PDB file of N, CA and C in Angstrom:
ATOM      1  N   MET A   1      73.489 -92.821-116.630  1.00  0.00           N
ATOM      2  CA  MET A   1      74.438 -92.439-117.646  1.00  0.00           C
ATOM      3  C   MET A   1      74.911 -91.028-117.336  1.00  0.00           C
ATOM      4  N   THR A   2      76.191 -90.837-117.352  1.00  0.00           N
ATOM      5  CA  THR A   2      76.759 -89.517-117.092  1.00  0.00           C
ATOM      6  C   THR A   2      77.129 -88.872-118.417  1.00  0.00           C
ATOM      7  N   ARG A   3      78.388 -88.769-118.717  1.00  0.00           N
ATOM      8  CA  ARG A   3      78.880 -88.175-119.951  1.00  0.00           C
ATOM      9  C   ARG A   3      78.914 -89.251-121.028  1.00  0.00           C
ATOM     10  N   THR A   4      78.347 -88.969-122.179  1.00  0.00           N
ATOM     11  CA  THR A   4      78.319 -89.948-123.252  1.00  0.00           C
ATOM     12  C   THR A   4      79.348 -89.585-124.311  1.00  0.00           C
ATOM     13  N   HIS A   5      80.206 -90.514-124.624  1.00  0.00           N
ATOM     14  CA  HIS A   5      81.269 -90.336-125.600  1.00  0.00           C
ATOM     15  C   HIS A   5      80.676 -90.351-127.012  1.00  0.00           C
ATOM     16  N   PHE A   6      81.278 -89.600-127.934  1.00  0.00           N
ATOM     17  CA  PHE A   6      80.747 -89.506-129.298  1.00  0.00           C
ATOM     18  C   PHE A   6      80.734 -90.850-130.008  1.00  0.00           C
ATOM     19  N   PHE A   7      81.566 -91.782-129.608  1.00  0.00           N
ATOM     20  CA  PHE A   7      81.564 -93.124-130.199  1.00  0.00           C
ATOM     21  C   PHE A   7      80.688 -94.059-129.384  1.00  0.00           C
ATOM     22  N   ALA A   8      80.852 -94.048-128.081  1.00  0.00           N
ATOM     23  CA  ALA A   8      80.118 -94.981-127.224  1.00  0.00           C
ATOM     24  C   ALA A   8      78.627 -94.681-127.180  1.00  0.00           C
ATOM     25  N   GLY A   9      78.232 -93.427-127.304  1.00  0.00           N
ATOM     26  CA  GLY A   9      76.815 -93.064-127.246  1.00  0.00           C
ATOM     27  C   GLY A   9      75.965 -93.762-128.293  1.00  0.00           C
ATOM     28  N   PRO A  10      76.332 -93.681-129.571  1.00  0.00           N
ATOM     29  CA  PRO A  10      75.543 -94.377-130.595  1.00  0.00           C
ATOM     30  C   PRO A  10      75.585 -95.901-130.440  1.00  0.00           C
ATOM     31  N   ILE A  11      76.712 -96.439-129.990  1.00  0.00           N
ATOM     32  CA  ILE A  11      76.807 -97.886-129.779  1.00  0.00           C
ATOM     33  C   ILE A  11      75.846 -98.285-128.655  1.00  0.00           C
ATOM     34  N   TYR A  12      75.865 -97.530-127.559  1.00  0.00           N
ATOM     35  CA  TYR A  12      74.951 -97.760-126.439  1.00  0.00           C
ATOM     36  C   TYR A  12      73.500 -97.732-126.906  1.00  0.00           C
ATOM     37  N   ALA A  13      73.145 -96.736-127.688  1.00  0.00           N
ATOM     38  CA  ALA A  13      71.769 -96.590-128.164  1.00  0.00           C
ATOM     39  C   ALA A  13      71.350 -97.761-129.046  1.00  0.00           C
ATOM     40  N   ALA A  14      72.221 -98.204-129.913  1.00  0.00           N
ATOM     41  CA  ALA A  14      71.891 -99.300-130.823  1.00  0.00           C
ATOM     42  C   ALA A  14      71.759-100.635-130.091  1.00  0.00           C
ATOM     43  N   VAL A  15      72.579-100.828-129.076  1.00  0.00           N
ATOM     44  CA  VAL A  15      72.603-102.101-128.361  1.00  0.00           C
ATOM     45  C   VAL A  15      71.506-102.191-127.300  1.00  0.00           C
ATOM     46  N   THR A  16      71.243-101.107-126.599  1.00  0.00           N
ATOM     47  CA  THR A  16      70.252-101.144-125.514  1.00  0.00           C
ATOM     48  C   THR A  16      68.884-100.636-125.939  1.00  0.00           C
ATOM     49  N   ARG A  17      68.838 -99.769-126.939  1.00  0.00           N
ATOM     50  CA  ARG A  17      67.621 -99.104-127.405  1.00  0.00           C
ATOM     51  C   ARG A  17      66.956 -98.302-126.290  1.00  0.00           C
ATOM     52  N   ARG A  18      67.720 -97.931-125.269  1.00  0.00           N
ATOM     53  CA  ARG A  18      67.190 -97.126-124.170  1.00  0.00           C
ATOM     54  C   ARG A  18      67.139 -95.657-124.570  1.00  0.00           C
ATOM     55  N   THR A  19      66.192 -94.944-123.990  1.00  0.00           N
ATOM     56  CA  THR A  19      66.095 -93.509-124.221  1.00  0.00           C
ATOM     57  C   THR A  19      66.731 -92.766-123.059  1.00  0.00           C
ATOM     58  N   LEU A  20      67.216 -91.568-123.327  1.00  0.00           N
ATOM     59  CA  LEU A  20      67.904 -90.797-122.297  1.00  0.00           C
ATOM     60  C   LEU A  20      66.980 -90.315-121.188  1.00  0.00           C
ATOM     61  N   ASP A  21      65.684 -90.239-121.456  1.00  0.00           N
ATOM     62  CA  ASP A  21      64.749 -89.764-120.435  1.00  0.00           C
ATOM     63  C   ASP A  21      64.353 -90.856-119.444  1.00  0.00           C
ATOM     64  N   GLY A  22      64.828 -92.082-119.650  1.00  0.00           N
ATOM     65  CA  GLY A  22      64.550 -93.172-118.727  1.00  0.00           C
ATOM     66  C   GLY A  22      63.163 -93.778-118.860  1.00  0.00           C
ATOM     67  N   LYS A  23      62.387 -93.360-119.830  1.00  0.00           N
ATOM     68  CA  LYS A  23      61.015 -93.853-119.983  1.00  0.00           C
ATOM     69  C   LYS A  23      60.941 -95.272-120.544  1.00  0.00           C
ATOM     70  N   HIS A  24      62.030 -95.753-121.109  1.00  0.00           N
ATOM     71  CA  HIS A  24      62.028 -97.087-121.726  1.00  0.00           C
ATOM     72  C   HIS A  24      63.222 -97.903-121.209  1.00  0.00           C
ATOM     73  N   PRO A  25      63.184 -98.342-119.947  1.00  0.00           N
ATOM     74  CA  PRO A  25      64.336 -99.048-119.369  1.00  0.00           C
ATOM     75  C   PRO A  25      64.656-100.374-120.056  1.00  0.00           C
ATOM     76  N   ASP A  26      63.673-100.990-120.704  1.00  0.00           N
ATOM     77  CA  ASP A  26      63.925-102.232-121.439  1.00  0.00           C
ATOM     78  C   ASP A  26      64.243-101.972-122.904  1.00  0.00           C
ATOM     79  N   GLY A  27      64.272-100.706-123.278  1.00  0.00           N
ATOM     80  CA  GLY A  27      64.578-100.327-124.650  1.00  0.00           C
ATOM     81  C   GLY A  27      63.347 -99.941-125.426  1.00  0.00           C
ATOM     82  N   TRP A  28      63.463 -98.864-126.177  1.00  0.00           N
ATOM     83  CA  TRP A  28      62.385 -98.433-127.062  1.00  0.00           C
ATOM     84  C   TRP A  28      62.428 -99.338-128.281  1.00  0.00           C
ATOM     85  N   MET A  29      61.349-100.009-128.567  1.00  0.00           N
ATOM     86  CA  MET A  29      61.299-101.008-129.639  1.00  0.00           C
ATOM     87  C   MET A  29      62.441-102.019-129.454  1.00  0.00           C
ATOM     88  N   PRO A  30      62.430-102.738-128.323  1.00  0.00           N
ATOM     89  CA  PRO A  30      63.546-103.629-127.985  1.00  0.00           C
ATOM     90  C   PRO A  30      63.842-104.712-129.014  1.00  0.00           C
ATOM     91  N   GLU A  31      62.888-105.036-129.851  1.00  0.00           N
ATOM     92  CA  GLU A  31      63.142-106.040-130.891  1.00  0.00           C
ATOM     93  C   GLU A  31      64.155-105.542-131.919  1.00  0.00           C
ATOM     94  N   GLN A  32      64.477-104.260-131.887  1.00  0.00           N
ATOM     95  CA  GLN A  32      65.456-103.699-132.815  1.00  0.00           C
ATOM     96  C   GLN A  32      66.866-103.633-132.230  1.00  0.00           C
ATOM     97  N   LYS A  33      67.068-104.165-131.032  1.00  0.00           N
ATOM     98  CA  LYS A  33      68.414-104.191-130.449  1.00  0.00           C
ATOM     99  C   LYS A  33      69.337-105.010-131.342  1.00  0.00           C
ATOM    100  N   ILE A  34      70.604-104.564-131.432  1.00  0.00           N
ATOM    101  CA  ILE A  34      71.614-105.318-132.169  1.00  0.00           C
ATOM    102  C   ILE A  34      72.779-105.588-131.231  1.00  0.00           C
ATOM    103  N   THR A  35      73.680-106.464-131.624  1.00  0.00           N
ATOM    104  CA  THR A  35      74.833-106.793-130.782  1.00  0.00           C
ATOM    105  C   THR A  35      75.860-105.661-130.834  1.00  0.00           C
ATOM    106  N   VAL A  36      76.787-105.690-129.899  1.00  0.00           N
ATOM    107  CA  VAL A  36      77.866-104.697-129.895  1.00  0.00           C
ATOM    108  C   VAL A  36      78.675-104.814-131.185  1.00  0.00           C
ATOM    109  N   ALA A  37      78.976-106.024-131.602  1.00  0.00           N
ATOM    110  CA  ALA A  37      79.748-106.214-132.840  1.00  0.00           C
ATOM    111  C   ALA A  37      79.007-105.637-134.044  1.00  0.00           C
ATOM    112  N   GLU A  38      77.703-105.869-134.122  1.00  0.00           N
ATOM    113  CA  GLU A  38      76.914-105.316-135.226  1.00  0.00           C
ATOM    114  C   GLU A  38      76.911-103.790-135.183  1.00  0.00           C
ATOM    115  N   ALA A  39      76.811-103.225-133.987  1.00  0.00           N
ATOM    116  CA  ALA A  39      76.788-101.768-133.851  1.00  0.00           C
ATOM    117  C   ALA A  39      78.129-101.145-134.243  1.00  0.00           C
ATOM    118  N   VAL A  40      79.223-101.748-133.809  1.00  0.00           N
ATOM    119  CA  VAL A  40      80.555-101.221-134.161  1.00  0.00           C
ATOM    120  C   VAL A  40      80.764-101.323-135.672  1.00  0.00           C
ATOM    121  N   ARG A  41      80.369-102.426-136.248  1.00  0.00           N
ATOM    122  CA  ARG A  41      80.509-102.580-137.704  1.00  0.00           C
ATOM    123  C   ARG A  41      79.672-101.538-138.452  1.00  0.00           C
ATOM    124  N   ALA A  42      78.458-101.312-138.008  1.00  0.00           N
ATOM    125  CA  ALA A  42      77.600-100.313-138.654  1.00  0.00           C
ATOM    126  C   ALA A  42      78.192 -98.911-138.517  1.00  0.00           C
ATOM    127  N   TYR A  43      78.738 -98.611-137.348  1.00  0.00           N
ATOM    128  CA  TYR A  43      79.273 -97.279-137.077  1.00  0.00           C
ATOM    129  C   TYR A  43      80.585 -97.020-137.818  1.00  0.00           C
ATOM    130  N   THR A  44      81.330 -98.064-138.130  1.00  0.00           N
ATOM    131  CA  THR A  44      82.628 -97.898-138.791  1.00  0.00           C
ATOM    132  C   THR A  44      82.542 -98.268-140.275  1.00  0.00           C
ATOM    133  N   MET A  45      82.492 -99.547-140.563  1.00  0.00           N
ATOM    134  CA  MET A  45      82.471-100.003-141.947  1.00  0.00           C
ATOM    135  C   MET A  45      81.184 -99.599-142.673  1.00  0.00           C
ATOM    136  N   GLY A  46      80.073 -99.645-141.965  1.00  0.00           N
ATOM    137  CA  GLY A  46      78.805 -99.265-142.574  1.00  0.00           C
ATOM    138  C   GLY A  46      78.767 -97.807-142.979  1.00  0.00           C
ATOM    139  N   SER A  47      79.304 -96.954-142.119  1.00  0.00           N
ATOM    140  CA  SER A  47      79.338 -95.523-142.432  1.00  0.00           C
ATOM    141  C   SER A  47      80.251 -95.236-143.616  1.00  0.00           C
ATOM    142  N   ALA A  48      81.395 -95.906-143.667  1.00  0.00           N
ATOM    143  CA  ALA A  48      82.308 -95.720-144.797  1.00  0.00           C
ATOM    144  C   ALA A  48      81.647 -96.176-146.096  1.00  0.00           C
ATOM    145  N   TYR A  49      80.958 -97.288-146.043  1.00  0.00           N
ATOM    146  CA  TYR A  49      80.262 -97.803-147.231  1.00  0.00           C
ATOM    147  C   TYR A  49      79.170 -96.839-147.690  1.00  0.00           C
ATOM    148  N   ALA A  50      78.427 -96.303-146.732  1.00  0.00           N
ATOM    149  CA  ALA A  50      77.325 -95.389-147.068  1.00  0.00           C
ATOM    150  C   ALA A  50      77.814 -94.117-147.745  1.00  0.00           C
ATOM    151  N   SER A  51      79.053 -93.714-147.452  1.00  0.00           N
ATOM    152  CA  SER A  51      79.600 -92.508-148.077  1.00  0.00           C
ATOM    153  C   SER A  51      80.537 -92.841-149.249  1.00  0.00           C
ATOM    154  N   PHE A  52      80.492 -94.099-149.710  1.00  0.00           N
ATOM    155  CA  PHE A  52      81.319 -94.566-150.828  1.00  0.00           C
ATOM    156  C   PHE A  52      82.817 -94.433-150.539  1.00  0.00           C
ATOM    157  N   ASP A  53      83.196 -94.552-149.267  1.00  0.00           N
ATOM    158  CA  ASP A  53      84.595 -94.416-148.856  1.00  0.00           C
ATOM    159  C   ASP A  53      85.188 -95.705-148.311  1.00  0.00           C
ATOM    160  N   GLU A  54      84.587 -96.857-148.575  1.00  0.00           N
ATOM    161  CA  GLU A  54      85.044 -98.111-147.977  1.00  0.00           C
ATOM    162  C   GLU A  54      86.457 -98.508-148.394  1.00  0.00           C
ATOM    163  N   LYS A  55      86.953 -97.972-149.492  1.00  0.00           N
ATOM    164  CA  LYS A  55      88.335 -98.264-149.896  1.00  0.00           C
ATOM    165  C   LYS A  55      89.325 -97.340-149.190  1.00  0.00           C
ATOM    166  N   LEU A  56      88.810 -96.291-148.538  1.00  0.00           N
ATOM    167  CA  LEU A  56      89.643 -95.289-147.890  1.00  0.00           C
ATOM    168  C   LEU A  56      89.601 -95.372-146.364  1.00  0.00           C
ATOM    169  N   LYS A  57      88.458 -95.783-145.809  1.00  0.00           N
ATOM    170  CA  LYS A  57      88.297 -95.821-144.356  1.00  0.00           C
ATOM    171  C   LYS A  57      87.232 -96.837-143.962  1.00  0.00           C
ATOM    172  N   GLY A  58      87.036 -97.006-142.671  1.00  0.00           N
ATOM    173  CA  GLY A  58      86.006 -97.915-142.183  1.00  0.00           C
ATOM    174  C   GLY A  58      86.547 -99.165-141.530  1.00  0.00           C
ATOM    175  N   SER A  59      87.781 -99.523-141.828  1.00  0.00           N
ATOM    176  CA  SER A  59      88.431-100.682-141.204  1.00  0.00           C
ATOM    177  C   SER A  59      89.915-100.378-141.054  1.00  0.00           C
ATOM    178  N   ILE A  60      90.553-101.090-140.163  1.00  0.00           N
ATOM    179  CA  ILE A  60      91.985-100.877-139.926  1.00  0.00           C
ATOM    180  C   ILE A  60      92.755-101.787-140.868  1.00  0.00           C
ATOM    181  N   GLU A  61      93.279-101.182-141.930  1.00  0.00           N
ATOM    182  CA  GLU A  61      94.040-101.897-142.951  1.00  0.00           C
ATOM    183  C   GLU A  61      95.160-100.990-143.448  1.00  0.00           C
ATOM    184  N   PRO A  62      96.279-101.573-143.919  1.00  0.00           N
ATOM    185  CA  PRO A  62      97.350-100.761-144.465  1.00  0.00           C
ATOM    186  C   PRO A  62      96.843 -99.850-145.580  1.00  0.00           C
ATOM    187  N   GLY A  63      97.233 -98.587-145.528  1.00  0.00           N
ATOM    188  CA  GLY A  63      96.874 -97.627-146.550  1.00  0.00           C
ATOM    189  C   GLY A  63      95.570 -96.884-146.316  1.00  0.00           C
ATOM    190  N   LYS A  64      94.787 -97.298-145.318  1.00  0.00           N
ATOM    191  CA  LYS A  64      93.523 -96.619-145.047  1.00  0.00           C
ATOM    192  C   LYS A  64      93.705 -95.557-143.969  1.00  0.00           C
ATOM    193  N   LEU A  65      92.838 -94.555-144.023  1.00  0.00           N
ATOM    194  CA  LEU A  65      92.811 -93.540-142.971  1.00  0.00           C
ATOM    195  C   LEU A  65      92.310 -94.179-141.684  1.00  0.00           C
ATOM    196  N   ALA A  66      92.731 -93.624-140.550  1.00  0.00           N
ATOM    197  CA  ALA A  66      92.290 -94.215-139.283  1.00  0.00           C
ATOM    198  C   ALA A  66      92.178 -93.161-138.196  1.00  0.00           C
ATOM    199  N   ASP A  67      91.116 -93.256-137.442  1.00  0.00           N
ATOM    200  CA  ASP A  67      90.932 -92.509-136.206  1.00  0.00           C
ATOM    201  C   ASP A  67      90.816 -93.555-135.116  1.00  0.00           C
ATOM    202  N   PHE A  68      91.380 -93.263-133.971  1.00  0.00           N
ATOM    203  CA  PHE A  68      91.312 -94.212-132.866  1.00  0.00           C
ATOM    204  C   PHE A  68      90.576 -93.592-131.699  1.00  0.00           C
ATOM    205  N   VAL A  69      89.845 -94.410-130.996  1.00  0.00           N
ATOM    206  CA  VAL A  69      89.112 -93.995-129.808  1.00  0.00           C
ATOM    207  C   VAL A  69      89.632 -94.828-128.655  1.00  0.00           C
ATOM    208  N   VAL A  70      89.961 -94.166-127.551  1.00  0.00           N
ATOM    209  CA  VAL A  70      90.403 -94.870-126.353  1.00  0.00           C
ATOM    210  C   VAL A  70      89.260 -94.828-125.352  1.00  0.00           C
ATOM    211  N   LEU A  71      88.780 -95.998-124.984  1.00  0.00           N
ATOM    212  CA  LEU A  71      87.686 -96.118-124.028  1.00  0.00           C
ATOM    213  C   LEU A  71      88.231 -96.698-122.727  1.00  0.00           C
ATOM    214  N   THR A  72      87.537 -96.475-121.640  1.00  0.00           N
ATOM    215  CA  THR A  72      88.004 -96.963-120.341  1.00  0.00           C
ATOM    216  C   THR A  72      87.743 -98.448-120.143  1.00  0.00           C
ATOM    217  N   ASP A  73      86.806 -99.014-120.903  1.00  0.00           N
ATOM    218  CA  ASP A  73      86.456-100.422-120.757  1.00  0.00           C
ATOM    219  C   ASP A  73      86.321-101.085-122.118  1.00  0.00           C
ATOM    220  N   ASP A  74      86.369-102.406-122.112  1.00  0.00           N
ATOM    221  CA  ASP A  74      86.167-103.196-123.320  1.00  0.00           C
ATOM    222  C   ASP A  74      84.664-103.311-123.554  1.00  0.00           C
ATOM    223  N   ILE A  75      84.143-102.598-124.537  1.00  0.00           N
ATOM    224  CA  ILE A  75      82.694-102.582-124.760  1.00  0.00           C
ATOM    225  C   ILE A  75      82.152-103.936-125.211  1.00  0.00           C
ATOM    226  N   PHE A  76      83.024-104.843-125.624  1.00  0.00           N
ATOM    227  CA  PHE A  76      82.594-106.184-126.009  1.00  0.00           C
ATOM    228  C   PHE A  76      82.447-107.095-124.794  1.00  0.00           C
ATOM    229  N   ALA A  77      83.002-106.676-123.647  1.00  0.00           N
ATOM    230  CA  ALA A  77      83.008-107.528-122.460  1.00  0.00           C
ATOM    231  C   ALA A  77      82.105-107.034-121.327  1.00  0.00           C
ATOM    232  N   ILE A  78      81.751-105.754-121.329  1.00  0.00           N
ATOM    233  CA  ILE A  78      80.963-105.210-120.225  1.00  0.00           C
ATOM    234  C   ILE A  78      79.466-105.298-120.506  1.00  0.00           C
ATOM    235  N   ASP A  79      78.688-105.087-119.462  1.00  0.00           N
ATOM    236  CA  ASP A  79      77.234-105.001-119.605  1.00  0.00           C
ATOM    237  C   ASP A  79      76.934-103.847-120.559  1.00  0.00           C
ATOM    238  N   PRO A  80      76.137-104.059-121.600  1.00  0.00           N
ATOM    239  CA  PRO A  80      75.854-103.004-122.571  1.00  0.00           C
ATOM    240  C   PRO A  80      75.316-101.708-121.944  1.00  0.00           C
ATOM    241  N   VAL A  81      74.634-101.808-120.819  1.00  0.00           N
ATOM    242  CA  VAL A  81      74.110-100.620-120.152  1.00  0.00           C
ATOM    243  C   VAL A  81      75.245 -99.694-119.699  1.00  0.00           C
ATOM    244  N   LYS A  82      76.428-100.250-119.478  1.00  0.00           N
ATOM    245  CA  LYS A  82      77.574 -99.453-119.019  1.00  0.00           C
ATOM    246  C   LYS A  82      78.393 -98.851-120.163  1.00  0.00           C
ATOM    247  N   ILE A  83      78.049 -99.179-121.401  1.00  0.00           N
ATOM    248  CA  ILE A  83      78.811 -98.670-122.546  1.00  0.00           C
ATOM    249  C   ILE A  83      78.824 -97.149-122.587  1.00  0.00           C
ATOM    250  N   ALA A  84      77.732 -96.516-122.260  1.00  0.00           N
ATOM    251  CA  ALA A  84      77.650 -95.057-122.324  1.00  0.00           C
ATOM    252  C   ALA A  84      78.612 -94.375-121.354  1.00  0.00           C
ATOM    253  N   ASP A  85      79.070 -95.087-120.333  1.00  0.00           N
ATOM    254  CA  ASP A  85      79.975 -94.510-119.340  1.00  0.00           C
ATOM    255  C   ASP A  85      81.435 -94.793-119.614  1.00  0.00           C
ATOM    256  N   THR A  86      81.769 -95.419-120.752  1.00  0.00           N
ATOM    257  CA  THR A  86      83.172 -95.731-121.027  1.00  0.00           C
ATOM    258  C   THR A  86      83.920 -94.539-121.546  1.00  0.00           C
TER     259      THR A  86
END
């Protein structure tokens, strides 16, 4: 892993459960791995819900605030280990 993006880093961690020191190549507590879709939902809609802002942000809908992230690869299609490098 080289440079970790502020969005891709947490998604990578949730999906692979790998540690940055390389001590857990199969994932730290691998039974807690979640899918990319689950991680993206938690990072977007889940965060908005946790801050009571789900009517204002968290999903792409008319009238809601939006931030966009441009990644080099489709994180839903690549090997999850490569997500941190997008």
